[in-house]
Amino acid sequence: MERPKVGVGVIILKGSKVLLQKRKNAHGEGTWSFPGGHLEFNEELDECARRETFEEVGIHIKNVHFATITNDKFATENKHYITIFMLAEHEVGVPTICEPDKTESIGWFSWDALPKPLFLPLENLLQQGFKPFHQRL
């Protein structure tokens, strides 16, 4: 019996916008998601958020802390993830596509005008009524 995997999504705030990337060559291809990836064995959540953010978009983040989780069942891909969302602020650097085999495009977006289609964990986050700018950093 296979168990769910643990993903970490990093909600990065800069001013009134959040950073999103368009996925490719993975489940959820063609959808917009936050930077993130798999939690490694013995890794702290904030370490994972910092590592994945730097690996994927080449920026540094600060004030990293837990935000919420979603239970994400990808029916067509036959995958199941628990996604841990971490909230952070942009510290330094210009977002760059560092993994062109995994990311098609990248950009800062207003929470009220997110691009479509969205990655399932982000859709589930929105269904929870999550509002990143109402969280305490």
N, C-alpha and C. Protein backbone atom coordinates (compact mmCIF):
# COMPACT_ATOMS: atom_id res chain seq x y z
N MET A 1 0.84 -1.18 0.00
CA MET A 1 0.00 0.00 0.00
C MET A 1 0.88 1.25 0.00
N GLU A 2 0.66 2.09 -0.96
CA GLU A 2 1.45 3.31 -1.04
C GLU A 2 0.85 4.38 -0.14
N ARG A 3 1.70 5.17 0.47
CA ARG A 3 1.26 6.25 1.36
C ARG A 3 1.39 7.59 0.65
N PRO A 4 0.66 8.60 1.15
CA PRO A 4 0.80 9.93 0.55
C PRO A 4 2.22 10.46 0.70
N LYS A 5 2.63 11.27 -0.26
CA LYS A 5 3.93 11.95 -0.18
C LYS A 5 3.72 13.32 0.44
N VAL A 6 4.82 13.91 0.92
CA VAL A 6 4.75 15.23 1.54
C VAL A 6 5.37 16.26 0.61
N GLY A 7 4.55 17.21 0.20
CA GLY A 7 5.02 18.32 -0.61
C GLY A 7 5.02 19.59 0.23
N VAL A 8 5.88 20.52 -0.15
CA VAL A 8 5.93 21.82 0.52
C VAL A 8 5.76 22.89 -0.55
N GLY A 9 4.75 23.73 -0.37
CA GLY A 9 4.51 24.87 -1.25
C GLY A 9 4.87 26.15 -0.51
N VAL A 10 5.56 27.05 -1.18
CA VAL A 10 6.04 28.26 -0.52
C VAL A 10 5.30 29.48 -1.08
N ILE A 11 4.48 30.07 -0.23
CA ILE A 11 3.72 31.27 -0.59
C ILE A 11 4.62 32.46 -0.30
N ILE A 12 5.19 33.04 -1.35
CA ILE A 12 6.16 34.13 -1.18
C ILE A 12 5.46 35.46 -1.47
N LEU A 13 5.48 36.33 -0.50
CA LEU A 13 4.84 37.64 -0.62
C LEU A 13 5.87 38.71 -0.95
N LYS A 14 5.46 39.61 -1.84
CA LYS A 14 6.27 40.79 -2.16
C LYS A 14 5.28 41.91 -2.43
N GLY A 15 5.23 42.87 -1.52
CA GLY A 15 4.22 43.91 -1.64
C GLY A 15 2.85 43.27 -1.53
N SER A 16 2.02 43.46 -2.57
CA SER A 16 0.67 42.89 -2.56
C SER A 16 0.54 41.71 -3.51
N LYS A 17 1.67 41.09 -3.86
CA LYS A 17 1.65 39.99 -4.84
C LYS A 17 2.28 38.72 -4.29
N VAL A 18 1.98 37.60 -4.99
CA VAL A 18 2.56 36.30 -4.67
C VAL A 18 3.28 35.78 -5.91
N LEU A 19 4.30 34.97 -5.69
CA LEU A 19 5.09 34.41 -6.78
C LEU A 19 4.53 33.05 -7.20
N LEU A 20 4.27 32.90 -8.50
CA LEU A 20 3.79 31.63 -9.04
C LEU A 20 4.64 31.22 -10.23
N GLN A 21 4.65 29.90 -10.47
CA GLN A 21 5.36 29.37 -11.64
C GLN A 21 4.44 28.40 -12.37
N LYS A 22 4.59 28.33 -13.68
CA LYS A 22 3.79 27.41 -14.48
C LYS A 22 4.57 26.12 -14.66
N ARG A 23 3.95 25.00 -14.25
CA ARG A 23 4.61 23.69 -14.19
C ARG A 23 4.69 23.03 -15.56
N LYS A 24 5.76 22.23 -15.72
CA LYS A 24 5.85 21.37 -16.90
C LYS A 24 6.63 20.11 -16.55
N ASN A 25 6.38 19.05 -17.32
CA ASN A 25 7.06 17.75 -17.16
C ASN A 25 6.86 17.12 -15.79
N ALA A 26 5.71 17.35 -15.16
CA ALA A 26 5.39 16.75 -13.86
C ALA A 26 3.87 16.71 -13.72
N HIS A 27 3.38 16.05 -12.65
CA HIS A 27 1.94 16.07 -12.45
C HIS A 27 1.50 17.52 -12.28
N GLY A 28 0.32 17.81 -12.80
CA GLY A 28 -0.15 19.19 -12.78
C GLY A 28 0.45 20.03 -13.90
N GLU A 29 1.00 19.39 -14.92
CA GLU A 29 1.63 20.13 -16.02
C GLU A 29 0.65 21.16 -16.59
N GLY A 30 1.18 22.36 -16.84
CA GLY A 30 0.38 23.43 -17.41
C GLY A 30 -0.40 24.25 -16.40
N THR A 31 -0.27 23.89 -15.11
CA THR A 31 -0.96 24.65 -14.07
C THR A 31 0.02 25.56 -13.33
N TRP A 32 -0.53 26.55 -12.66
CA TRP A 32 0.27 27.51 -11.90
C TRP A 32 0.34 27.07 -10.44
N SER A 33 1.54 27.13 -9.89
CA SER A 33 1.75 26.73 -8.49
C SER A 33 2.78 27.63 -7.83
N PHE A 34 2.86 27.50 -6.53
CA PHE A 34 3.92 28.17 -5.78
C PHE A 34 5.22 27.38 -5.97
N PRO A 35 6.37 28.01 -5.79
CA PRO A 35 7.61 27.22 -5.73
C PRO A 35 7.49 26.19 -4.61
N GLY A 36 8.17 25.08 -4.76
CA GLY A 36 8.13 24.06 -3.72
C GLY A 36 8.55 22.71 -4.25
N GLY A 37 8.44 21.71 -3.41
CA GLY A 37 8.83 20.38 -3.80
C GLY A 37 8.66 19.41 -2.64
N HIS A 38 9.39 18.31 -2.69
CA HIS A 38 9.27 17.28 -1.68
C HIS A 38 10.09 17.60 -0.43
N LEU A 39 9.51 17.29 0.71
CA LEU A 39 10.23 17.38 1.97
C LEU A 39 11.21 16.22 2.03
N GLU A 40 12.47 16.51 2.29
CA GLU A 40 13.51 15.48 2.36
C GLU A 40 13.56 14.89 3.77
N PHE A 41 14.10 13.69 3.89
CA PHE A 41 14.24 13.01 5.17
C PHE A 41 15.05 13.87 6.14
N ASN A 42 14.55 14.06 7.35
CA ASN A 42 15.19 14.83 8.42
C ASN A 42 15.28 16.33 8.15
N GLU A 43 14.58 16.82 7.15
CA GLU A 43 14.65 18.25 6.82
C GLU A 43 13.58 19.02 7.59
N GLU A 44 13.94 20.18 8.09
CA GLU A 44 12.97 21.07 8.74
C GLU A 44 12.13 21.75 7.67
N LEU A 45 10.90 22.11 8.01
CA LEU A 45 10.00 22.71 7.03
C LEU A 45 10.53 24.03 6.47
N ASP A 46 11.07 24.88 7.34
CA ASP A 46 11.59 26.15 6.85
C ASP A 46 12.83 25.95 5.98
N GLU A 47 13.64 24.93 6.31
CA GLU A 47 14.82 24.62 5.47
C GLU A 47 14.37 24.18 4.09
N CYS A 48 13.34 23.33 4.03
CA CYS A 48 12.82 22.86 2.75
C CYS A 48 12.31 24.03 1.93
N ALA A 49 11.57 24.93 2.57
CA ALA A 49 11.03 26.10 1.86
C ALA A 49 12.15 26.96 1.27
N ARG A 50 13.18 27.21 2.05
CA ARG A 50 14.31 28.02 1.57
C ARG A 50 15.05 27.31 0.44
N ARG A 51 15.31 26.01 0.62
CA ARG A 51 16.05 25.23 -0.38
C ARG A 51 15.28 25.16 -1.70
N GLU A 52 14.02 24.78 -1.64
CA GLU A 52 13.23 24.64 -2.86
C GLU A 52 13.07 25.99 -3.58
N THR A 53 12.86 27.05 -2.82
CA THR A 53 12.72 28.37 -3.42
C THR A 53 13.99 28.76 -4.16
N PHE A 54 15.14 28.56 -3.53
CA PHE A 54 16.40 28.93 -4.18
C PHE A 54 16.67 28.03 -5.39
N GLU A 55 16.43 26.71 -5.26
CA GLU A 55 16.67 25.79 -6.38
C GLU A 55 15.79 26.12 -7.58
N GLU A 56 14.53 26.47 -7.32
CA GLU A 56 13.59 26.66 -8.42
C GLU A 56 13.59 28.06 -9.00
N VAL A 57 13.70 29.09 -8.16
CA VAL A 57 13.58 30.46 -8.67
C VAL A 57 14.74 31.38 -8.31
N GLY A 58 15.74 30.87 -7.58
CA GLY A 58 16.97 31.61 -7.34
C GLY A 58 16.86 32.83 -6.45
N ILE A 59 15.87 32.86 -5.56
CA ILE A 59 15.76 34.00 -4.66
C ILE A 59 15.87 33.53 -3.21
N HIS A 60 16.12 34.49 -2.32
CA HIS A 60 16.17 34.22 -0.89
C HIS A 60 14.89 34.75 -0.25
N ILE A 61 14.41 34.04 0.77
CA ILE A 61 13.19 34.42 1.46
C ILE A 61 13.48 34.60 2.94
N LYS A 62 12.57 35.29 3.63
CA LYS A 62 12.72 35.54 5.06
C LYS A 62 11.37 35.38 5.75
N ASN A 63 11.39 35.39 7.09
CA ASN A 63 10.17 35.25 7.89
C ASN A 63 9.35 34.03 7.47
N VAL A 64 10.02 32.91 7.33
CA VAL A 64 9.39 31.67 6.86
C VAL A 64 8.70 30.97 8.02
N HIS A 65 7.41 30.68 7.84
CA HIS A 65 6.69 29.95 8.88
C HIS A 65 5.51 29.17 8.29
N PHE A 66 5.02 28.23 9.07
CA PHE A 66 3.92 27.38 8.66
C PHE A 66 2.65 28.21 8.44
N ALA A 67 1.91 27.88 7.36
CA ALA A 67 0.65 28.56 7.09
C ALA A 67 -0.54 27.61 7.26
N THR A 68 -0.56 26.51 6.49
CA THR A 68 -1.66 25.56 6.55
C THR A 68 -1.28 24.31 5.75
N ILE A 69 -2.18 23.35 5.69
CA ILE A 69 -1.96 22.15 4.87
C ILE A 69 -3.20 21.87 4.03
N THR A 70 -2.99 21.10 2.95
CA THR A 70 -4.10 20.58 2.16
C THR A 70 -3.88 19.09 1.93
N ASN A 71 -4.98 18.39 1.68
CA ASN A 71 -4.97 16.96 1.39
C ASN A 71 -5.31 16.83 -0.09
N ASP A 72 -4.33 16.51 -0.93
CA ASP A 72 -4.48 16.61 -2.38
C ASP A 72 -4.43 15.25 -3.06
N LYS A 73 -5.56 14.88 -3.65
CA LYS A 73 -5.69 13.59 -4.34
C LYS A 73 -5.80 13.86 -5.84
N PHE A 74 -4.74 13.49 -6.56
CA PHE A 74 -4.67 13.68 -8.01
C PHE A 74 -5.23 12.42 -8.67
N ALA A 75 -6.51 12.40 -8.96
CA ALA A 75 -7.19 11.20 -9.45
C ALA A 75 -6.61 10.71 -10.78
N THR A 76 -6.43 11.60 -11.75
CA THR A 76 -5.96 11.15 -13.07
C THR A 76 -4.51 10.68 -13.04
N GLU A 77 -3.70 11.24 -12.15
CA GLU A 77 -2.30 10.83 -12.05
C GLU A 77 -2.08 9.73 -11.02
N ASN A 78 -3.14 9.37 -10.29
CA ASN A 78 -3.06 8.36 -9.25
C ASN A 78 -1.98 8.69 -8.21
N LYS A 79 -1.99 9.96 -7.75
CA LYS A 79 -1.04 10.43 -6.75
C LYS A 79 -1.81 11.04 -5.58
N HIS A 80 -1.21 10.98 -4.42
CA HIS A 80 -1.81 11.56 -3.22
C HIS A 80 -0.72 12.29 -2.45
N TYR A 81 -0.95 13.56 -2.17
CA TYR A 81 0.03 14.37 -1.44
C TYR A 81 -0.64 15.06 -0.26
N ILE A 82 0.11 15.23 0.78
CA ILE A 82 -0.20 16.18 1.84
C ILE A 82 0.71 17.37 1.53
N THR A 83 0.11 18.51 1.28
CA THR A 83 0.92 19.69 0.95
C THR A 83 0.95 20.62 2.16
N ILE A 84 2.16 20.91 2.61
CA ILE A 84 2.39 21.84 3.71
C ILE A 84 2.73 23.18 3.08
N PHE A 85 1.91 24.17 3.36
CA PHE A 85 2.17 25.50 2.84
C PHE A 85 2.92 26.32 3.87
N MET A 86 4.02 26.91 3.41
CA MET A 86 4.83 27.80 4.22
C MET A 86 4.66 29.21 3.68
N LEU A 87 4.57 30.16 4.55
CA LEU A 87 4.42 31.57 4.17
C LEU A 87 5.75 32.27 4.39
N ALA A 88 6.15 33.11 3.44
CA ALA A 88 7.45 33.80 3.55
C ALA A 88 7.38 35.13 2.83
N GLU A 89 8.35 35.96 3.08
CA GLU A 89 8.51 37.22 2.37
C GLU A 89 9.73 37.14 1.46
N HIS A 90 9.65 37.81 0.33
CA HIS A 90 10.79 37.92 -0.57
C HIS A 90 11.86 38.72 0.17
N GLU A 91 13.08 38.23 0.15
CA GLU A 91 14.17 38.96 0.80
C GLU A 91 15.05 39.64 -0.24
N VAL A 92 15.63 38.83 -1.15
CA VAL A 92 16.53 39.40 -2.14
C VAL A 92 16.57 38.49 -3.37
N GLY A 93 16.81 39.11 -4.51
CA GLY A 93 16.96 38.37 -5.75
C GLY A 93 15.80 38.60 -6.71
N VAL A 94 16.10 38.38 -7.96
CA VAL A 94 15.08 38.48 -9.02
C VAL A 94 14.69 37.06 -9.40
N PRO A 95 13.39 36.73 -9.32
CA PRO A 95 12.98 35.37 -9.68
C PRO A 95 13.40 35.01 -11.10
N THR A 96 14.02 33.85 -11.22
CA THR A 96 14.54 33.34 -12.48
C THR A 96 14.14 31.87 -12.60
N ILE A 97 13.87 31.42 -13.80
CA ILE A 97 13.58 30.00 -14.01
C ILE A 97 14.91 29.25 -13.93
N CYS A 98 15.16 28.60 -12.81
CA CYS A 98 16.41 27.88 -12.58
C CYS A 98 16.32 26.42 -13.04
N GLU A 99 15.12 25.91 -13.21
CA GLU A 99 14.90 24.54 -13.66
C GLU A 99 13.98 24.56 -14.88
N PRO A 100 14.53 24.92 -16.05
CA PRO A 100 13.70 25.07 -17.25
C PRO A 100 13.01 23.78 -17.69
N ASP A 101 13.50 22.64 -17.21
CA ASP A 101 12.83 21.37 -17.52
C ASP A 101 11.56 21.18 -16.69
N LYS A 102 11.38 22.00 -15.63
CA LYS A 102 10.23 21.87 -14.74
C LYS A 102 9.31 23.09 -14.73
N THR A 103 9.81 24.22 -15.21
CA THR A 103 9.06 25.47 -15.13
C THR A 103 8.99 26.14 -16.50
N GLU A 104 7.78 26.47 -16.90
CA GLU A 104 7.56 27.12 -18.19
C GLU A 104 7.66 28.64 -18.09
N SER A 105 7.07 29.22 -17.05
CA SER A 105 7.13 30.66 -16.84
C SER A 105 6.93 30.97 -15.36
N ILE A 106 7.17 32.23 -15.02
CA ILE A 106 7.16 32.66 -13.62
C ILE A 106 6.67 34.09 -13.56
N GLY A 107 6.03 34.46 -12.45
CA GLY A 107 5.61 35.85 -12.31
C GLY A 107 4.98 36.15 -10.96
N TRP A 108 4.87 37.44 -10.68
CA TRP A 108 4.22 37.94 -9.47
C TRP A 108 2.77 38.24 -9.82
N PHE A 109 1.83 37.80 -8.98
CA PHE A 109 0.41 37.96 -9.27
C PHE A 109 -0.34 38.45 -8.03
N SER A 110 -1.38 39.24 -8.27
CA SER A 110 -2.27 39.67 -7.22
C SER A 110 -3.10 38.47 -6.76
N TRP A 111 -3.34 38.34 -5.46
CA TRP A 111 -4.12 37.23 -4.93
C TRP A 111 -5.53 37.20 -5.53
N ASP A 112 -6.04 38.36 -5.88
CA ASP A 112 -7.39 38.46 -6.45
C ASP A 112 -7.41 38.25 -7.96
N ALA A 113 -6.26 38.05 -8.57
CA ALA A 113 -6.19 37.86 -10.03
C ALA A 113 -5.15 36.79 -10.37
N LEU A 114 -5.30 35.61 -9.78
CA LEU A 114 -4.37 34.52 -10.03
C LEU A 114 -4.59 33.96 -11.44
N PRO A 115 -3.51 33.54 -12.11
CA PRO A 115 -3.65 32.97 -13.45
C PRO A 115 -4.32 31.59 -13.39
N LYS A 116 -4.85 31.17 -14.49
CA LYS A 116 -5.51 29.86 -14.57
C LYS A 116 -4.81 29.01 -15.62
N PRO A 117 -4.87 27.70 -15.53
CA PRO A 117 -5.44 26.91 -14.44
C PRO A 117 -4.48 26.81 -13.27
N LEU A 118 -5.02 26.52 -12.10
CA LEU A 118 -4.23 26.41 -10.88
C LEU A 118 -3.94 24.96 -10.54
N PHE A 119 -2.78 24.73 -9.94
CA PHE A 119 -2.37 23.41 -9.44
C PHE A 119 -3.35 23.00 -8.34
N LEU A 120 -3.69 21.71 -8.28
CA LEU A 120 -4.69 21.21 -7.34
C LEU A 120 -4.45 21.68 -5.90
N PRO A 121 -3.24 21.60 -5.34
CA PRO A 121 -3.06 22.08 -3.96
C PRO A 121 -3.43 23.56 -3.80
N LEU A 122 -3.16 24.37 -4.80
CA LEU A 122 -3.53 25.79 -4.73
C LEU A 122 -5.04 25.95 -4.82
N GLU A 123 -5.69 25.15 -5.67
CA GLU A 123 -7.16 25.17 -5.72
C GLU A 123 -7.74 24.80 -4.36
N ASN A 124 -7.18 23.76 -3.75
CA ASN A 124 -7.67 23.32 -2.44
C ASN A 124 -7.41 24.38 -1.36
N LEU A 125 -6.31 25.08 -1.47
CA LEU A 125 -5.99 26.17 -0.55
C LEU A 125 -7.05 27.27 -0.65
N LEU A 126 -7.41 27.62 -1.87
CA LEU A 126 -8.43 28.65 -2.08
C LEU A 126 -9.79 28.21 -1.54
N GLN A 127 -10.11 26.93 -1.69
CA GLN A 127 -11.37 26.41 -1.17
C GLN A 127 -11.44 26.52 0.36
N GLN A 128 -10.29 26.51 1.01
CA GLN A 128 -10.25 26.69 2.47
C GLN A 128 -10.51 28.13 2.87
N GLY A 129 -10.47 29.04 1.89
CA GLY A 129 -10.65 30.46 2.19
C GLY A 129 -9.37 31.12 2.68
N PHE A 130 -8.23 30.48 2.41
CA PHE A 130 -6.94 31.02 2.89
C PHE A 130 -6.65 32.38 2.26
N LYS A 131 -6.18 33.31 3.07
CA LYS A 131 -5.81 34.66 2.63
C LYS A 131 -4.41 34.97 3.15
N PRO A 132 -3.40 34.92 2.27
CA PRO A 132 -2.02 35.08 2.74
C PRO A 132 -1.71 36.44 3.34
N PHE A 133 -2.42 37.47 2.92
CA PHE A 133 -2.10 38.81 3.41
C PHE A 133 -2.76 39.11 4.74
N HIS A 134 -3.57 38.17 5.24
CA HIS A 134 -4.18 38.31 6.56
C HIS A 134 -3.42 37.51 7.61
N GLN A 135 -2.36 36.83 7.18
CA GLN A 135 -1.53 36.05 8.10
C GLN A 135 -0.47 36.95 8.71
N ARG A 136 -0.03 36.59 9.87
CA ARG A 136 1.02 37.38 10.56
C ARG A 136 2.38 36.87 10.14
N LEU A 137 3.22 37.76 9.66
CA LEU A 137 4.60 37.40 9.30
C LEU A 137 5.55 37.79 10.41
